[in-house]
Structure formats: structure tokens, C-alpha cells
N, C-alpha and C. Protein backbone atom coordinates (compact mmCIF):
# COMPACT_ATOMS: atom_id res chain seq x y z
N UNK A 1 0.83 -1.18 -0.01
CA UNK A 1 0.03 0.00 0.06
C UNK A 1 0.87 1.21 0.02
N UNK A 2 0.44 2.27 -0.71
CA UNK A 2 1.21 3.52 -0.72
C UNK A 2 0.99 4.26 0.58
N UNK A 3 2.06 5.04 0.91
CA UNK A 3 1.91 5.88 2.12
C UNK A 3 0.66 6.81 1.94
N UNK A 4 0.12 7.16 3.07
CA UNK A 4 -1.12 7.94 3.01
C UNK A 4 -0.94 9.31 2.29
N UNK A 5 0.22 9.93 2.39
CA UNK A 5 0.40 11.18 1.81
C UNK A 5 0.52 11.08 0.20
N UNK A 6 0.63 9.89 -0.26
CA UNK A 6 0.74 9.70 -1.73
C UNK A 6 -0.59 9.12 -2.29
N UNK A 7 -1.64 9.00 -1.47
CA UNK A 7 -2.95 8.57 -1.94
C UNK A 7 -3.68 9.72 -2.67
N UNK A 8 -4.44 9.34 -3.64
CA UNK A 8 -5.30 10.41 -4.32
C UNK A 8 -6.40 10.80 -3.35
N UNK A 9 -7.03 11.92 -3.66
CA UNK A 9 -8.02 12.45 -2.75
C UNK A 9 -9.20 11.52 -2.55
N UNK A 10 -9.68 10.82 -3.55
CA UNK A 10 -10.77 9.89 -3.34
C UNK A 10 -10.31 8.63 -2.60
N UNK A 11 -9.10 8.23 -2.72
CA UNK A 11 -8.51 7.14 -1.93
C UNK A 11 -8.38 7.46 -0.47
N UNK A 12 -8.02 8.68 -0.16
CA UNK A 12 -7.97 9.18 1.22
C UNK A 12 -9.37 9.18 1.83
N UNK A 13 -10.28 9.59 1.01
CA UNK A 13 -11.74 9.64 1.49
C UNK A 13 -12.26 8.21 1.75
N UNK A 14 -11.95 7.31 0.78
CA UNK A 14 -12.32 5.93 1.08
C UNK A 14 -11.73 5.29 2.30
N UNK A 15 -10.43 5.54 2.44
CA UNK A 15 -9.74 5.08 3.66
C UNK A 15 -10.31 5.60 4.92
N UNK A 16 -10.59 6.94 4.93
CA UNK A 16 -11.13 7.52 6.15
C UNK A 16 -12.59 7.03 6.43
N UNK A 17 -13.34 6.76 5.36
CA UNK A 17 -14.66 6.19 5.58
C UNK A 17 -14.53 4.86 6.24
N UNK A 18 -13.64 3.99 5.77
CA UNK A 18 -13.42 2.65 6.38
C UNK A 18 -12.94 2.75 7.78
N UNK A 19 -12.01 3.70 8.08
CA UNK A 19 -11.57 3.83 9.39
C UNK A 19 -12.59 4.33 10.33
N UNK A 20 -13.47 5.12 9.87
CA UNK A 20 -14.57 5.68 10.66
C UNK A 20 -15.60 4.66 11.02
N UNK A 21 -15.68 3.57 10.30
CA UNK A 21 -16.77 2.57 10.44
C UNK A 21 -16.26 1.27 11.07
N UNK A 22 -14.91 1.16 11.35
CA UNK A 22 -14.38 -0.12 11.83
C UNK A 22 -13.34 0.16 12.89
N UNK A 23 -13.63 -0.17 14.18
CA UNK A 23 -12.67 0.13 15.29
C UNK A 23 -11.44 -0.69 15.11
N UNK A 24 -11.53 -1.96 14.66
CA UNK A 24 -10.43 -2.79 14.53
C UNK A 24 -9.45 -2.23 13.39
N UNK A 25 -10.04 -1.78 12.37
CA UNK A 25 -9.21 -1.32 11.27
C UNK A 25 -8.50 -0.01 11.69
N UNK A 26 -9.27 0.83 12.53
CA UNK A 26 -8.66 2.00 13.00
C UNK A 26 -7.42 1.74 13.92
N UNK A 27 -7.64 0.73 14.85
CA UNK A 27 -6.54 0.34 15.64
C UNK A 27 -5.35 -0.19 14.96
N UNK A 28 -5.68 -1.00 13.92
CA UNK A 28 -4.65 -1.59 12.99
C UNK A 28 -3.86 -0.47 12.25
N UNK A 29 -4.64 0.49 11.76
CA UNK A 29 -4.00 1.60 11.04
C UNK A 29 -3.09 2.37 11.95
N UNK A 30 -3.53 2.68 13.19
CA UNK A 30 -2.72 3.46 14.13
C UNK A 30 -1.43 2.71 14.44
N UNK A 31 -1.50 1.40 14.74
CA UNK A 31 -0.30 0.61 15.13
C UNK A 31 0.65 0.48 13.98
N UNK A 32 0.07 0.15 12.79
CA UNK A 32 0.99 -0.11 11.63
C UNK A 32 1.65 1.23 11.27
N UNK A 33 0.96 2.27 11.19
CA UNK A 33 1.59 3.58 10.79
C UNK A 33 2.61 4.03 11.85
N UNK A 34 2.28 3.75 13.08
CA UNK A 34 3.31 4.05 14.23
C UNK A 34 4.62 3.26 14.00
N UNK A 35 4.41 1.96 13.73
CA UNK A 35 5.62 1.05 13.57
C UNK A 35 6.36 1.56 12.29
N UNK A 36 5.74 1.84 11.21
CA UNK A 36 6.30 2.32 9.96
C UNK A 36 7.06 3.57 10.24
N UNK A 37 6.53 4.48 11.10
CA UNK A 37 7.14 5.75 11.33
C UNK A 37 8.49 5.46 12.16
N UNK A 38 8.47 4.50 13.09
CA UNK A 38 9.71 4.11 13.77
C UNK A 38 10.74 3.61 12.78
N UNK A 39 10.33 2.77 11.80
CA UNK A 39 11.18 2.24 10.85
C UNK A 39 11.85 3.33 9.94
N UNK A 40 10.96 4.14 9.43
CA UNK A 40 11.37 5.08 8.49
C UNK A 40 12.22 6.21 9.06
N UNK A 41 12.00 6.62 10.26
CA UNK A 41 12.71 7.75 10.83
C UNK A 41 13.67 7.31 12.06
N UNK A 42 13.88 6.03 12.16
CA UNK A 42 14.73 5.52 13.23
C UNK A 42 14.41 6.12 14.59
N UNK A 43 13.22 5.84 14.99
CA UNK A 43 12.79 6.32 16.31
C UNK A 43 12.58 5.12 17.26
N UNK A 44 13.61 4.40 17.53
CA UNK A 44 13.57 3.21 18.37
C UNK A 44 13.21 3.53 19.87
N UNK A 45 13.38 4.76 20.26
CA UNK A 45 13.03 5.08 21.60
C UNK A 45 11.55 5.05 21.80
N UNK A 46 10.72 4.93 20.78
CA UNK A 46 9.29 4.84 20.96
C UNK A 46 8.85 3.29 20.96
N UNK A 47 9.84 2.37 20.83
CA UNK A 47 9.50 0.95 20.74
C UNK A 47 8.75 0.45 21.95
N UNK A 48 9.12 0.76 23.12
CA UNK A 48 8.45 0.30 24.34
C UNK A 48 6.97 0.70 24.37
N UNK A 49 6.69 1.95 24.01
CA UNK A 49 5.33 2.44 23.97
C UNK A 49 4.50 1.63 22.88
N UNK A 50 5.15 1.37 21.72
CA UNK A 50 4.43 0.73 20.65
C UNK A 50 4.14 -0.74 21.10
N UNK A 51 5.16 -1.42 21.73
CA UNK A 51 4.93 -2.76 22.15
C UNK A 51 3.78 -2.82 23.18
N UNK A 52 3.73 -1.93 24.11
CA UNK A 52 2.70 -1.88 25.09
C UNK A 52 1.31 -1.65 24.49
N UNK A 53 1.28 -0.76 23.47
CA UNK A 53 -0.04 -0.54 22.78
C UNK A 53 -0.48 -1.85 22.08
N UNK A 54 0.50 -2.45 21.33
CA UNK A 54 0.11 -3.64 20.57
C UNK A 54 -0.28 -4.69 21.50
N UNK A 55 0.29 -4.97 22.62
CA UNK A 55 0.05 -6.00 23.56
C UNK A 55 -1.30 -5.77 24.28
N UNK A 56 -1.69 -4.50 24.35
CA UNK A 56 -2.94 -4.15 25.02
C UNK A 56 -4.09 -4.09 24.01
N UNK A 57 -3.75 -4.20 22.74
CA UNK A 57 -4.76 -4.06 21.68
C UNK A 57 -5.59 -5.40 21.44
N UNK A 58 -6.53 -5.30 20.60
CA UNK A 58 -7.47 -6.42 20.36
C UNK A 58 -7.09 -7.27 19.21
N UNK A 59 -5.95 -6.99 18.52
CA UNK A 59 -5.58 -7.79 17.35
C UNK A 59 -4.54 -8.80 17.68
N UNK A 60 -4.91 -10.12 17.76
CA UNK A 60 -4.03 -11.10 18.21
C UNK A 60 -2.69 -11.22 17.41
N UNK A 61 -2.72 -10.99 16.12
CA UNK A 61 -1.57 -11.09 15.31
C UNK A 61 -0.44 -10.01 15.71
N UNK A 62 -1.01 -8.76 16.06
CA UNK A 62 -0.06 -7.79 16.49
C UNK A 62 0.41 -8.05 17.87
N UNK A 63 -0.43 -8.61 18.72
CA UNK A 63 0.10 -9.00 20.11
C UNK A 63 1.14 -9.95 19.89
N UNK A 64 1.05 -11.00 19.03
CA UNK A 64 2.06 -11.98 18.77
C UNK A 64 3.30 -11.35 18.11
N UNK A 65 3.16 -10.46 17.28
CA UNK A 65 4.28 -9.71 16.80
C UNK A 65 5.05 -8.99 17.86
N UNK A 66 4.34 -8.27 18.68
CA UNK A 66 4.94 -7.52 19.78
C UNK A 66 5.71 -8.50 20.64
N UNK A 67 5.13 -9.65 21.03
CA UNK A 67 5.78 -10.65 21.83
C UNK A 67 7.11 -11.15 21.19
N UNK A 68 7.08 -11.33 19.89
CA UNK A 68 8.20 -11.72 19.08
C UNK A 68 9.28 -10.71 19.18
N UNK A 69 8.90 -9.39 19.08
CA UNK A 69 9.98 -8.31 19.22
C UNK A 69 10.63 -8.36 20.53
N UNK A 70 9.82 -8.64 21.57
CA UNK A 70 10.43 -8.71 22.91
C UNK A 70 11.48 -9.81 23.09
N UNK A 71 11.33 -10.90 22.34
CA UNK A 71 12.28 -12.02 22.40
C UNK A 71 13.69 -11.60 21.92
N UNK A 72 13.75 -10.66 21.02
CA UNK A 72 15.07 -10.20 20.58
C UNK A 72 15.12 -8.64 20.67
N UNK A 73 14.77 -8.19 21.91
CA UNK A 73 14.49 -6.78 22.09
C UNK A 73 15.69 -5.86 21.70
N UNK A 74 16.84 -6.25 22.24
CA UNK A 74 18.06 -5.45 22.04
C UNK A 74 18.32 -5.24 20.52
N UNK A 75 18.30 -6.36 19.80
CA UNK A 75 18.57 -6.26 18.41
C UNK A 75 17.50 -5.40 17.60
N UNK A 76 16.23 -5.58 18.01
CA UNK A 76 15.20 -4.74 17.33
C UNK A 76 15.40 -3.22 17.74
N UNK A 77 15.65 -3.00 18.96
CA UNK A 77 15.81 -1.53 19.45
C UNK A 77 16.98 -0.91 18.66
N UNK A 78 18.08 -1.68 18.65
CA UNK A 78 19.35 -1.15 17.93
C UNK A 78 19.05 -1.01 16.39
N UNK A 79 18.24 -1.87 15.79
CA UNK A 79 18.01 -1.75 14.40
C UNK A 79 17.08 -0.60 14.11
N UNK A 80 16.29 -0.19 15.02
CA UNK A 80 15.38 0.98 14.91
C UNK A 80 15.97 2.27 15.28
N UNK A 81 17.19 2.17 15.93
CA UNK A 81 17.83 3.38 16.45
C UNK A 81 19.13 3.74 15.84
N UNK A 82 19.97 2.78 15.68
CA UNK A 82 21.33 3.02 15.22
C UNK A 82 21.40 3.17 13.67
N UNK A 83 22.42 4.04 13.21
CA UNK A 83 22.42 4.22 11.71
C UNK A 83 23.14 3.08 10.95
N UNK A 84 23.71 2.08 11.68
CA UNK A 84 24.40 1.09 11.00
C UNK A 84 23.50 -0.06 10.48
N UNK A 85 23.92 -0.66 9.46
CA UNK A 85 23.10 -1.78 8.85
C UNK A 85 24.03 -2.91 8.48
N UNK A 86 23.53 -4.13 8.57
CA UNK A 86 24.20 -5.33 8.10
C UNK A 86 23.80 -5.72 6.71
N UNK A 87 23.05 -4.87 6.01
CA UNK A 87 22.49 -5.08 4.75
C UNK A 87 23.57 -5.52 3.71
N UNK A 88 24.69 -4.92 3.71
CA UNK A 88 25.74 -5.29 2.70
C UNK A 88 26.25 -6.68 3.00
N UNK A 89 26.45 -7.00 4.27
CA UNK A 89 26.93 -8.44 4.53
C UNK A 89 25.84 -9.44 4.17
N UNK A 90 24.58 -9.08 4.52
CA UNK A 90 23.53 -10.09 4.23
C UNK A 90 23.41 -10.29 2.65
N UNK A 91 23.58 -9.22 1.97
CA UNK A 91 23.61 -9.34 0.51
C UNK A 91 24.70 -10.22 -0.03
N UNK A 92 25.89 -10.08 0.56
CA UNK A 92 27.00 -10.98 0.12
C UNK A 92 26.72 -12.42 0.46
N UNK A 93 26.22 -12.68 1.65
CA UNK A 93 25.88 -14.00 2.04
C UNK A 93 24.83 -14.61 1.10
N UNK A 94 23.82 -13.87 0.78
CA UNK A 94 22.77 -14.32 -0.11
C UNK A 94 23.35 -14.67 -1.46
N UNK A 95 24.26 -13.79 -1.97
CA UNK A 95 24.92 -14.05 -3.34
C UNK A 95 25.71 -15.36 -3.30
N UNK A 96 26.42 -15.52 -2.21
CA UNK A 96 27.33 -16.70 -2.12
C UNK A 96 26.44 -18.00 -1.94
N UNK A 97 25.37 -17.86 -1.33
CA UNK A 97 24.43 -19.08 -1.20
C UNK A 97 23.85 -19.36 -2.52
N UNK A 98 23.56 -18.39 -3.30
CA UNK A 98 22.99 -18.59 -4.64
C UNK A 98 24.02 -19.30 -5.53
N UNK A 99 25.28 -18.88 -5.43
CA UNK A 99 26.29 -19.54 -6.22
C UNK A 99 26.42 -21.03 -5.79
N UNK A 100 26.37 -21.24 -4.43
CA UNK A 100 26.43 -22.63 -3.92
C UNK A 100 25.34 -23.45 -4.38
N UNK A 101 23.98 -22.92 -4.37
CA UNK A 101 22.96 -23.66 -4.86
C UNK A 101 23.02 -24.00 -6.32
N UNK A 102 23.50 -23.00 -7.16
CA UNK A 102 23.62 -23.20 -8.58
C UNK A 102 24.64 -24.27 -8.92
N UNK A 103 25.68 -24.39 -8.09
CA UNK A 103 26.77 -25.35 -8.36
C UNK A 103 26.61 -26.73 -7.68
N UNK A 104 25.54 -26.82 -6.90
CA UNK A 104 25.43 -28.05 -6.14
C UNK A 104 25.60 -29.27 -7.00
N UNK A 105 26.41 -30.28 -6.61
CA UNK A 105 26.58 -31.49 -7.36
C UNK A 105 27.37 -31.40 -8.61
N UNK A 106 27.83 -30.28 -9.11
CA UNK A 106 28.48 -30.10 -10.34
C UNK A 106 29.87 -29.65 -10.11
N UNK A 107 30.25 -29.14 -8.99
CA UNK A 107 31.69 -28.65 -8.86
C UNK A 107 32.09 -28.81 -7.47
N UNK A 108 33.32 -28.63 -7.16
CA UNK A 108 33.88 -28.78 -5.86
C UNK A 108 34.11 -27.37 -5.17
N UNK A 109 34.62 -27.44 -3.96
CA UNK A 109 34.84 -26.20 -3.26
C UNK A 109 35.75 -25.23 -3.91
N UNK A 110 36.83 -25.81 -4.55
CA UNK A 110 37.76 -24.90 -5.20
C UNK A 110 37.20 -24.11 -6.30
N UNK A 111 36.28 -24.60 -7.06
CA UNK A 111 35.67 -23.84 -8.13
C UNK A 111 34.68 -22.80 -7.55
N UNK A 112 33.99 -23.15 -6.45
CA UNK A 112 33.07 -22.27 -5.77
C UNK A 112 33.96 -21.11 -5.20
N UNK A 113 35.04 -21.36 -4.58
CA UNK A 113 35.97 -20.32 -4.09
C UNK A 113 36.35 -19.42 -5.13
N UNK A 114 36.78 -19.94 -6.21
CA UNK A 114 37.25 -19.16 -7.37
C UNK A 114 36.16 -18.20 -7.93
N UNK A 115 34.99 -18.82 -8.01
CA UNK A 115 33.82 -17.99 -8.46
C UNK A 115 33.50 -16.86 -7.55
N UNK A 116 33.52 -17.16 -6.26
CA UNK A 116 33.21 -16.11 -5.30
C UNK A 116 34.29 -14.97 -5.30
N UNK A 117 35.57 -15.38 -5.30
CA UNK A 117 36.62 -14.41 -5.31
C UNK A 117 36.73 -13.65 -6.59
N UNK A 118 36.20 -14.15 -7.72
CA UNK A 118 36.28 -13.52 -9.04
C UNK A 118 35.27 -12.36 -9.06
N UNK A 119 34.27 -12.40 -8.23
CA UNK A 119 33.22 -11.35 -8.26
C UNK A 119 33.65 -10.18 -7.56
């Protein structure tokens, strides 16, 4: 779904109409947009409040998601707060795994090593 500020006027009106008539949808919209704001603007200091709201809410899937965030709280908080990312490392690992899968059963480790180092 597009961010709300990018919706056309009639789409905004339709969304507002749906939110006005459904409490669950209104709660979902509030929690999802709050979490998206934390992600987009690195506002990890709001994580505790968001988790408490989600756990107190009526949507079981969001309560489960909040519980899952608590299981790895430090990593989630750091990911929402700190400017560093492991994206480059994860991308390299994914690329190497793709090479490994494509060469499975056809080549040995030496050829895989050469292919990875050649990139």
C-alpha cells in the first residue's frame, strides 16, 4: 500500500470512511503507521510504547508480533535506532548461497571459491 500522503483524494476519503466505520481497522492503522514511522525515521526510543499498545490491543496477530519483538528486544531496538546496517553483509551471504545452490553436485569447493573471489 502506498503511504497515506501519496494517496489520491478519493482514496484518502475511502480510507477515512473505512476507518470511521471499523474500530479494529482504526486500531490496526494506528499501530501499523506508528511502527512504519519508527522504521522510516529511526525512532527506536518509541518501541516500548508501541509494544505496550500492541500487547494491550485487540488484534491477536499484532500482540504476537509484539511478543516476538520482545524475544530479541536489544537487536530490534538497535535496528530501529542506530544508523548502521548489516545489509551489505547479508547481501554478500545471499549471493554466495545462490552460487552454492547453482553449483550443487556439479563442482567442488575450489571452483566455488574461485567464482566467489572473482566477483
